[in-house]
C-alpha cells in the first residue's frame, strides 16, 4: 500500500469515478459497439478491471458485470477475425481466461475452452517467427506469452526458444535483436516492441524450459548487450535511448520515461532477468538504472511522450513501474517516486478528464476506458496503492 487515511479515501473516490465512467461507456449502446473485445484495447480489459474492482470493493455486482462481458466476448468471438494479437485479438483474450482461472476469479476448464485456440495460435505464432515478426503487442512475442501462461508442451517451449535464438544478429562478438522495422535496420530497446520485451518473455520461458542453461545463455547475451550500450549516468540524465541503429550509434538524444521505451522498461527487464536467474549483479545494475530515473521528476514538461495518464505512455505507467520495483525491492526511493507519479496522475485526471477521449470513425467523442490507453489501466494501477491486492494483472504488461 502507498496511501493511507484521507489520501487513501481520495484515491478510492477516483477509482469509483473511473468505474462510473467505464459503466457509462458500456451502458451507451453506440459507444459500447465501438469497443473491440480485445484485452489491451477492448472489453476484455474492462472485464479484468471489474474483477479486481469487485475484489477491492467486496461488491459482487462487479464480478457479475465482468462475467457478463465474458459472455459477450464469447458470443462475439468471431469478430476478432484475423486478429491473433495479444493487443486486441485472440492471444490476449486467451491469456485473460487463463489469468482469471488461475487467480480464482472464474471457475472453468480452460483446457476445454482453449484447446482449439492452442492449435490455431501455434500455427500463427510459427508463421510470425518465420517472418521475424516478434513484436509483443502485435506479433510472436505476445502469442508466446499466451502459450507460456498455458501449460503448453515441451515441443512448443522448445520451438519458442529456438525461434528467439534464431532472431539474433551476430556482429562484433555481440548478439543483438533486430527491431521489427527491418527497413530502417534499427534495434528497438523497449518492452512493447523490442529487446526488453524479448528478455521478459525469455524469463517466462526459463520457468517452463527444462534446458535452463540454454535459456540462461540467451538471456545473458542480451542483458549483457543492453548493459554494454548504457550511457554513463554521471554524464547523462538517461541510460538508454528508445532505439539503437545497427552500427551502435544512438539515434535519439532523449529517451521516453514510460512503459513502452526508455530506462524504466529496460531497467525492469534486466531486474527480472536477474531475479529469474538469481544474478545479483543484474539486479543491482537494474536498481542503479531505475534509481537514476527518479531524478527526472523535475523534467516533467520536457520528458518526451508524457502527455496523458495512461499505462502505455503516460503517468500511470511510470507510477506503476516504480510501485512494482518498490514491491520487488522495498527501496524507499521507488515508493516516493511511485507516489509522486500517482499524485500527478490523479491531478491530471481531475484537471484533464475531458481530454481522455478517442475520436471514432463516426466522429464522436468516446472516453478512453481501455486497459492500455485509458481509465481501466489507471484504475487497476491505483487499486494496489490502497490495498494489499497483488497487481499480478501486470503480467500482461511483462512486469511480473
Protein backbone atom coordinates (compact mmCIF):
# COMPACT_ATOMS: atom_id res chain seq x y z
CA UNK A 1 0.00 0.00 0.00
CA UNK A 2 1.14 3.52 -0.78
CA UNK A 3 -1.71 5.63 0.58
CA UNK A 4 -3.45 5.74 3.96
CA UNK A 5 -6.08 7.85 5.73
CA UNK A 6 -7.63 10.77 3.88
CA UNK A 7 -5.33 10.31 0.89
CA UNK A 8 -6.50 6.72 0.51
CA UNK A 9 -10.10 7.97 0.57
CA UNK A 10 -9.22 10.41 -2.21
CA UNK A 11 -7.73 7.59 -4.29
CA UNK A 12 -10.76 5.41 -3.59
CA UNK A 13 -13.02 8.20 -4.81
CA UNK A 14 -11.07 8.47 -8.04
CA UNK A 15 -11.24 4.70 -8.58
CA UNK A 16 -15.01 4.92 -8.10
CA UNK A 17 -15.15 7.73 -10.65
CA UNK A 18 -13.22 5.61 -13.13
CA UNK A 19 -15.63 2.74 -12.54
CA UNK A 20 -18.57 5.07 -13.17
CA UNK A 21 -17.03 6.29 -16.43
CA UNK A 22 -16.44 2.72 -17.63
CA UNK A 23 -20.06 1.84 -16.82
CA UNK A 24 -21.23 4.93 -18.66
CA UNK A 25 -19.45 3.85 -21.84
CA UNK A 26 -20.59 0.23 -21.59
CA UNK A 27 -24.20 1.29 -20.98
CA UNK A 28 -24.20 3.54 -24.05
CA UNK A 29 -25.10 1.18 -26.90
CA UNK A 30 -23.44 3.30 -29.58
CA UNK A 31 -20.21 3.82 -27.65
CA UNK A 32 -20.08 0.22 -26.44
CA UNK A 33 -20.27 -1.04 -30.02
CA UNK A 34 -17.16 0.97 -30.86
CA UNK A 35 -15.06 -1.01 -28.38
CA UNK A 36 -13.34 -4.15 -29.60
CA UNK A 37 -13.48 -7.29 -27.47
CA UNK A 38 -9.69 -7.47 -27.01
CA UNK A 39 -7.61 -7.44 -23.82
CA UNK A 40 -5.44 -4.34 -24.02
CA UNK A 41 -7.72 -2.37 -26.32
CA UNK A 42 -11.23 -3.54 -25.65
CA UNK A 43 -13.81 -5.09 -23.39
CA UNK A 44 -11.54 -7.90 -22.24
CA UNK A 45 -9.51 -5.35 -20.31
CA UNK A 46 -12.68 -3.89 -18.80
CA UNK A 47 -13.67 -7.35 -17.54
CA UNK A 48 -10.23 -7.65 -15.95
CA UNK A 49 -10.73 -4.28 -14.26
CA UNK A 50 -14.17 -5.20 -12.97
CA UNK A 51 -12.88 -8.42 -11.37
CA UNK A 52 -10.16 -6.56 -9.49
CA UNK A 53 -12.52 -3.73 -8.56
CA UNK A 54 -15.00 -6.29 -7.21
CA UNK A 55 -12.22 -7.70 -5.05
CA UNK A 56 -11.30 -4.22 -3.78
CA UNK A 57 -14.87 -3.11 -3.06
CA UNK A 58 -16.14 -6.54 -2.00
CA UNK A 59 -19.09 -5.82 -4.28
CA UNK A 60 -20.07 -8.90 -6.22
CA UNK A 61 -22.18 -6.81 -8.59
CA UNK A 62 -18.99 -6.02 -10.49
CA UNK A 63 -17.98 -9.65 -10.53
CA UNK A 64 -21.29 -10.29 -12.27
CA UNK A 65 -20.72 -7.39 -14.66
CA UNK A 66 -17.33 -8.84 -15.56
CA UNK A 67 -18.91 -12.23 -16.18
CA UNK A 68 -21.47 -10.60 -18.47
CA UNK A 69 -18.63 -9.09 -20.50
CA UNK A 70 -17.01 -12.52 -20.83
CA UNK A 71 -20.30 -13.94 -22.12
CA UNK A 72 -20.50 -11.09 -24.64
CA UNK A 73 -16.91 -11.75 -25.72
CA UNK A 74 -17.67 -15.44 -26.18
CA UNK A 75 -20.76 -14.63 -28.25
CA UNK A 76 -18.79 -12.25 -30.46
CA UNK A 77 -15.53 -14.15 -30.63
CA UNK A 78 -15.67 -14.38 -34.40
CA UNK A 79 -15.40 -10.59 -34.55
CA UNK A 80 -11.71 -10.90 -33.80
CA UNK A 81 -11.45 -12.14 -37.39
CA UNK A 82 -7.82 -12.37 -38.43
CA UNK A 83 -6.67 -10.56 -35.29
CA UNK A 84 -4.48 -13.04 -33.43
CA UNK A 85 -2.54 -10.45 -31.42
CA UNK A 86 -2.04 -10.09 -27.69
CA UNK A 87 -3.00 -6.43 -28.04
CA UNK A 88 -6.58 -6.78 -29.23
CA UNK A 89 -7.01 -10.30 -30.57
CA UNK A 90 -7.30 -13.96 -29.70
CA UNK A 91 -3.97 -14.34 -27.84
CA UNK A 92 -4.78 -11.59 -25.36
CA UNK A 93 -8.24 -12.99 -24.69
CA UNK A 94 -6.78 -16.46 -24.16
CA UNK A 95 -4.29 -15.05 -21.66
CA UNK A 96 -7.18 -13.29 -19.90
CA UNK A 97 -9.18 -16.50 -19.47
CA UNK A 98 -6.15 -18.35 -18.09
CA UNK A 99 -5.28 -15.47 -15.75
CA UNK A 100 -8.80 -15.26 -14.36
CA UNK A 101 -8.88 -19.00 -13.76
CA UNK A 102 -5.50 -19.09 -12.01
CA UNK A 103 -6.41 -16.19 -9.74
CA UNK A 104 -9.77 -17.70 -8.77
CA UNK A 105 -11.89 -15.05 -10.45
CA UNK A 106 -13.62 -17.70 -12.55
CA UNK A 107 -14.01 -21.45 -12.31
CA UNK A 108 -13.62 -23.06 -15.70
CA UNK A 109 -11.86 -25.85 -17.56
CA UNK A 110 -9.51 -23.68 -19.60
CA UNK A 111 -8.06 -26.69 -21.40
CA UNK A 112 -11.52 -27.43 -22.74
CA UNK A 113 -12.12 -23.79 -23.64
CA UNK A 114 -8.73 -23.08 -25.23
CA UNK A 115 -7.57 -26.40 -26.71
CA UNK A 116 -8.64 -25.46 -30.25
CA UNK A 117 -7.24 -21.96 -29.77
CA UNK A 118 -3.89 -23.53 -28.83
CA UNK A 119 -3.68 -25.44 -32.10
CA UNK A 120 -4.64 -22.43 -34.17
CA UNK A 121 -2.38 -19.91 -32.44
CA UNK A 122 0.61 -22.24 -32.55
CA UNK A 123 0.48 -22.18 -36.36
CA UNK A 124 0.13 -18.39 -36.35
CA UNK A 125 3.00 -17.98 -33.87
CA UNK A 126 5.31 -20.08 -36.03
CA UNK A 127 4.41 -18.02 -39.10
CA UNK A 128 5.11 -14.80 -37.17
CA UNK A 129 8.50 -16.06 -36.04
CA UNK A 130 9.32 -17.24 -39.57
CA UNK A 131 8.56 -13.70 -40.75
CA UNK A 132 10.74 -12.17 -37.98
CA UNK A 133 7.60 -10.51 -36.62
CA UNK A 134 8.46 -10.76 -32.94
CA UNK A 135 6.63 -7.70 -31.62
CA UNK A 136 4.98 -8.21 -28.19
CA UNK A 137 1.80 -6.25 -28.79
CA UNK A 138 1.19 -7.38 -32.36
CA UNK A 139 3.50 -10.31 -33.13
CA UNK A 140 5.01 -13.58 -31.98
CA UNK A 141 6.13 -12.47 -28.50
CA UNK A 142 2.54 -11.82 -27.46
CA UNK A 143 1.50 -15.25 -28.70
CA UNK A 144 4.48 -16.74 -26.87
CA UNK A 145 3.31 -15.15 -23.61
CA UNK A 146 -0.10 -16.74 -24.16
CA UNK A 147 1.44 -20.20 -24.51
CA UNK A 148 3.78 -19.69 -21.56
CA UNK A 149 0.75 -18.78 -19.45
CA UNK A 150 -0.84 -22.05 -20.50
CA UNK A 151 0.51 -25.49 -19.62
CA UNK A 152 1.97 -25.83 -23.09
CA UNK A 153 4.02 -28.78 -24.32
CA UNK A 154 7.81 -29.09 -24.30
CA UNK A 155 7.62 -29.01 -28.08
CA UNK A 156 6.12 -25.52 -28.03
CA UNK A 157 8.56 -24.14 -25.44
CA UNK A 158 11.49 -25.61 -27.37
CA UNK A 159 10.19 -24.02 -30.54
CA UNK A 160 9.83 -20.62 -28.87
CA UNK A 161 13.42 -20.78 -27.60
CA UNK A 162 14.78 -21.92 -30.97
CA UNK A 163 12.94 -19.12 -32.74
CA UNK A 164 14.19 -16.48 -30.32
CA UNK A 165 17.76 -17.71 -30.69
CA UNK A 166 17.37 -17.61 -34.48
CA UNK A 167 16.42 -13.92 -34.29
CA UNK A 168 19.90 -12.92 -33.14
CA UNK A 169 22.17 -10.81 -35.28
CA UNK A 170 25.86 -11.61 -34.95
CA UNK A 171 28.18 -8.64 -35.10
CA UNK A 172 31.48 -7.93 -33.38
CA UNK A 173 31.10 -10.79 -30.89
CA UNK A 174 27.76 -9.48 -29.62
CA UNK A 175 24.26 -10.78 -30.12
CA UNK A 176 21.66 -8.16 -30.89
CA UNK A 177 17.96 -8.23 -31.63
CA UNK A 178 16.79 -6.54 -34.78
CA UNK A 179 13.79 -4.28 -34.29
CA UNK A 180 10.56 -5.07 -36.11
CA UNK A 181 11.24 -2.32 -38.65
CA UNK A 182 13.77 -4.20 -40.76
CA UNK A 183 13.95 -1.45 -43.41
CA UNK A 184 15.41 1.09 -41.01
CA UNK A 185 17.69 -1.57 -39.54
CA UNK A 186 17.46 -0.30 -36.01
CA UNK A 187 17.19 -2.06 -32.68
CA UNK A 188 14.13 -1.28 -30.58
CA UNK A 189 15.18 -1.49 -26.94
CA UNK A 190 11.69 -1.27 -25.40
CA UNK A 191 9.13 -3.60 -23.84
CA UNK A 192 6.27 -3.26 -26.30
CA UNK A 193 8.23 -3.91 -29.48
CA UNK A 194 11.85 -4.75 -28.70
CA UNK A 195 14.72 -6.21 -26.71
CA UNK A 196 13.32 -5.64 -23.22
CA UNK A 197 10.14 -7.47 -24.18
CA UNK A 198 12.15 -10.39 -25.53
CA UNK A 199 14.12 -10.64 -22.30
CA UNK A 200 10.92 -10.68 -20.24
CA UNK A 201 9.45 -13.44 -22.40
CA UNK A 202 12.71 -15.38 -22.04
CA UNK A 203 12.31 -15.07 -18.26
CA UNK A 204 8.88 -16.67 -18.57
CA UNK A 205 10.41 -19.34 -20.78
CA UNK A 206 13.09 -20.02 -18.15
CA UNK A 207 10.42 -21.14 -15.71
CA UNK A 208 8.91 -23.54 -18.28
CA UNK A 209 12.03 -24.89 -20.00
CA UNK A 210 13.86 -27.98 -18.79
CA UNK A 211 17.06 -26.81 -20.51
CA UNK A 212 17.57 -23.78 -18.28
CA UNK A 213 21.23 -23.47 -19.23
CA UNK A 214 20.31 -22.74 -22.84
CA UNK A 215 17.72 -20.15 -21.85
CA UNK A 216 20.15 -18.56 -19.39
CA UNK A 217 22.78 -18.23 -22.11
CA UNK A 218 20.27 -16.46 -24.33
CA UNK A 219 19.19 -14.13 -21.53
CA UNK A 220 22.81 -13.44 -20.59
CA UNK A 221 23.91 -12.46 -24.08
CA UNK A 222 21.12 -9.93 -24.40
CA UNK A 223 21.24 -8.47 -20.91
CA UNK A 224 24.99 -8.01 -21.33
CA UNK A 225 24.33 -6.31 -24.66
CA UNK A 226 21.96 -3.81 -23.03
CA UNK A 227 24.39 -3.10 -20.21
CA UNK A 228 27.20 -2.60 -22.75
CA UNK A 229 25.37 0.23 -24.54
CA UNK A 230 24.21 2.11 -21.43
CA UNK A 231 25.18 5.76 -21.12
CA UNK A 232 27.45 6.88 -18.30
CA UNK A 233 24.84 8.05 -15.79
CA UNK A 234 27.24 10.60 -14.32
CA UNK A 235 27.13 12.40 -17.67
CA UNK A 236 23.58 11.76 -18.89
CA UNK A 237 20.09 12.08 -17.47
CA UNK A 238 19.13 8.78 -19.11
CA UNK A 239 20.85 5.43 -19.64
CA UNK A 240 19.20 4.16 -22.82
CA UNK A 241 17.75 5.69 -25.98
CA UNK A 242 14.49 4.34 -27.38
CA UNK A 243 16.26 2.91 -30.43
CA UNK A 244 19.78 1.99 -31.47
CA UNK A 245 20.95 1.94 -35.07
CA UNK A 246 22.62 -1.21 -36.32
CA UNK A 247 26.09 0.34 -36.06
CA UNK A 248 25.62 1.14 -32.35
CA UNK A 249 25.07 4.87 -32.83
CA UNK A 250 22.26 6.12 -30.61
CA UNK A 251 19.70 7.79 -32.86
CA UNK A 252 17.76 9.72 -30.22
CA UNK A 253 19.02 12.46 -27.92
CA UNK A 254 16.43 11.78 -25.21
CA UNK A 255 14.56 8.70 -24.11
CA UNK A 256 10.97 8.23 -23.09
CA UNK A 257 10.00 7.84 -19.47
CA UNK A 258 7.17 5.34 -19.54
CA UNK A 259 6.17 1.71 -20.07
CA UNK A 260 6.97 1.28 -23.76
CA UNK A 261 10.52 2.66 -24.10
CA UNK A 262 13.38 4.13 -22.13
CA UNK A 263 15.14 3.39 -18.88
CA UNK A 264 12.15 2.07 -16.93
CA UNK A 265 11.26 -0.88 -19.19
CA UNK A 266 14.91 -1.66 -19.92
CA UNK A 267 15.73 -1.48 -16.22
CA UNK A 268 12.88 -3.70 -15.09
CA UNK A 269 13.62 -6.27 -17.80
CA UNK A 270 17.21 -6.51 -16.52
CA UNK A 271 15.91 -6.75 -12.96
CA UNK A 272 13.51 -9.57 -13.85
CA UNK A 273 16.33 -11.36 -15.67
CA UNK A 274 18.43 -11.15 -12.51
CA UNK A 275 15.54 -12.19 -10.28
CA UNK A 276 14.68 -15.15 -12.52
CA UNK A 277 18.22 -16.49 -12.87
CA UNK A 278 19.50 -15.48 -9.42
CA UNK A 279 22.00 -12.99 -10.85
CA UNK A 280 22.50 -10.33 -8.15
CA UNK A 281 24.80 -8.23 -10.36
CA UNK A 282 21.99 -7.72 -12.86
CA UNK A 283 19.52 -6.92 -10.11
CA UNK A 284 21.88 -4.30 -8.68
CA UNK A 285 22.56 -2.82 -12.12
CA UNK A 286 18.84 -2.57 -12.80
CA UNK A 287 18.25 -0.88 -9.46
CA UNK A 288 21.01 1.63 -10.29
CA UNK A 289 19.43 2.35 -13.69
CA UNK A 290 15.94 2.86 -12.29
CA UNK A 291 17.10 4.86 -9.27
CA UNK A 292 18.76 7.27 -11.72
CA UNK A 293 15.38 7.89 -13.38
CA UNK A 294 13.98 9.10 -10.06
CA UNK A 295 15.90 12.33 -10.67
CA UNK A 296 13.69 13.11 -13.66
CA UNK A 297 10.75 14.33 -11.59
CA UNK A 298 11.64 17.96 -12.26
CA UNK A 299 11.68 17.48 -16.04
CA UNK A 300 8.02 16.66 -16.49
CA UNK A 301 7.30 19.08 -19.31
CA UNK A 302 10.46 18.16 -21.20
CA UNK A 303 10.26 14.38 -20.98
CA UNK A 304 9.27 13.08 -24.37
CA UNK A 305 5.93 11.30 -24.50
CA UNK A 306 4.35 12.21 -21.16
CA UNK A 307 1.15 13.88 -22.21
CA UNK A 308 -1.54 11.63 -20.72
CA UNK A 309 -2.25 9.41 -17.74
CA UNK A 310 -2.34 6.01 -19.45
CA UNK A 311 -0.33 2.91 -18.63
CA UNK A 312 1.04 2.89 -22.16
CA UNK A 313 2.82 6.22 -22.49
CA UNK A 314 1.54 8.20 -19.54
CA UNK A 315 2.00 8.92 -15.87
CA UNK A 316 0.17 5.82 -14.56
CA UNK A 317 2.60 3.55 -16.39
CA UNK A 318 5.56 5.38 -14.86
CA UNK A 319 4.00 5.26 -11.40
CA UNK A 320 3.15 1.57 -11.62
CA UNK A 321 6.68 0.55 -12.66
CA UNK A 322 8.11 2.41 -9.67
CA UNK A 323 5.48 0.76 -7.47
CA UNK A 324 6.42 -2.64 -8.92
CA UNK A 325 10.08 -2.01 -8.18
CA UNK A 326 9.18 -0.99 -4.63
CA UNK A 327 7.24 -4.23 -4.18
CA UNK A 328 10.23 -6.18 -5.54
CA UNK A 329 12.95 -4.40 -3.56
CA UNK A 330 11.44 -2.41 -0.68
CA UNK A 331 13.59 0.59 -1.68
CA UNK A 332 12.01 3.78 -0.32
CA UNK A 333 13.07 5.92 -3.29
CA UNK A 334 10.91 3.77 -5.56
CA UNK A 335 7.97 4.24 -3.19
CA UNK A 336 8.48 8.01 -3.18
CA UNK A 337 8.69 8.11 -6.97
CA UNK A 338 5.58 5.95 -7.31
CA UNK A 339 3.63 8.31 -5.04
CA UNK A 340 4.94 11.33 -6.96
CA UNK A 341 3.72 9.98 -10.30
CA UNK A 342 0.44 8.64 -8.92
CA UNK A 343 -0.22 12.07 -7.43
CA UNK A 344 0.48 13.60 -10.83
CA UNK A 345 -1.82 11.03 -12.44
CA UNK A 346 -4.66 11.96 -10.12
CA UNK A 347 -4.10 15.67 -10.64
CA UNK A 348 -4.11 15.24 -14.41
CA UNK A 349 -7.21 13.05 -14.24
CA UNK A 350 -9.13 15.72 -12.38
CA UNK A 351 -7.75 18.57 -14.50
CA UNK A 352 -7.90 16.95 -17.92
CA UNK A 353 -10.56 14.25 -17.64
CA UNK A 354 -12.32 15.76 -20.64
CA UNK A 355 -9.20 15.03 -22.73
CA UNK A 356 -9.16 11.29 -22.07
CA UNK A 357 -11.01 10.86 -25.32
CA UNK A 358 -10.85 8.98 -28.58
CA UNK A 359 -12.12 10.17 -31.95
CA UNK A 360 -14.06 7.38 -33.61
CA UNK A 361 -14.78 6.78 -37.26
CA UNK A 362 -18.21 8.29 -36.64
CA UNK A 363 -16.51 11.47 -35.44
CA UNK A 364 -18.00 11.02 -31.99
CA UNK A 365 -16.02 11.52 -28.83
CA UNK A 366 -15.57 8.43 -26.71
CA UNK A 367 -13.97 8.37 -23.30
CA UNK A 368 -10.82 6.27 -23.34
CA UNK A 369 -11.55 3.44 -20.98
CA UNK A 370 -9.32 0.66 -22.32
CA UNK A 371 -6.63 -1.12 -20.31
CA UNK A 372 -3.59 0.04 -22.27
CA UNK A 373 -4.67 3.53 -23.29
CA UNK A 374 -7.35 4.59 -20.84
CA UNK A 375 -9.02 4.61 -17.48
CA UNK A 376 -9.25 0.86 -16.77
CA UNK A 377 -5.46 0.67 -16.70
CA UNK A 378 -5.22 3.71 -14.45
CA UNK A 379 -7.79 2.21 -12.10
CA UNK A 380 -6.01 -1.14 -11.91
CA UNK A 381 -2.73 0.58 -11.08
CA UNK A 382 -4.40 2.61 -8.33
CA UNK A 383 -6.15 -0.37 -6.71
CA UNK A 384 -2.91 -1.73 -5.26
CA UNK A 385 -1.96 1.67 -3.85
CA UNK A 386 -4.76 1.46 -1.26
CA UNK A 387 -4.97 -2.31 -0.74
CA UNK A 388 -2.87 -5.42 -0.39
CA UNK A 389 -4.18 -6.80 -3.66
CA UNK A 390 -1.20 -8.11 -5.62
CA UNK A 391 -1.16 -6.45 -9.08
CA UNK A 392 -0.49 -9.73 -10.85
CA UNK A 393 -2.58 -8.44 -13.77
CA UNK A 394 0.58 -6.60 -14.88
CA UNK A 395 1.96 -9.83 -16.30
CA UNK A 396 0.11 -8.77 -19.45
CA UNK A 397 2.47 -5.77 -19.47
CA UNK A 398 5.52 -8.04 -18.91
CA UNK A 399 6.14 -6.52 -15.48
CA UNK A 400 5.72 -9.68 -13.42
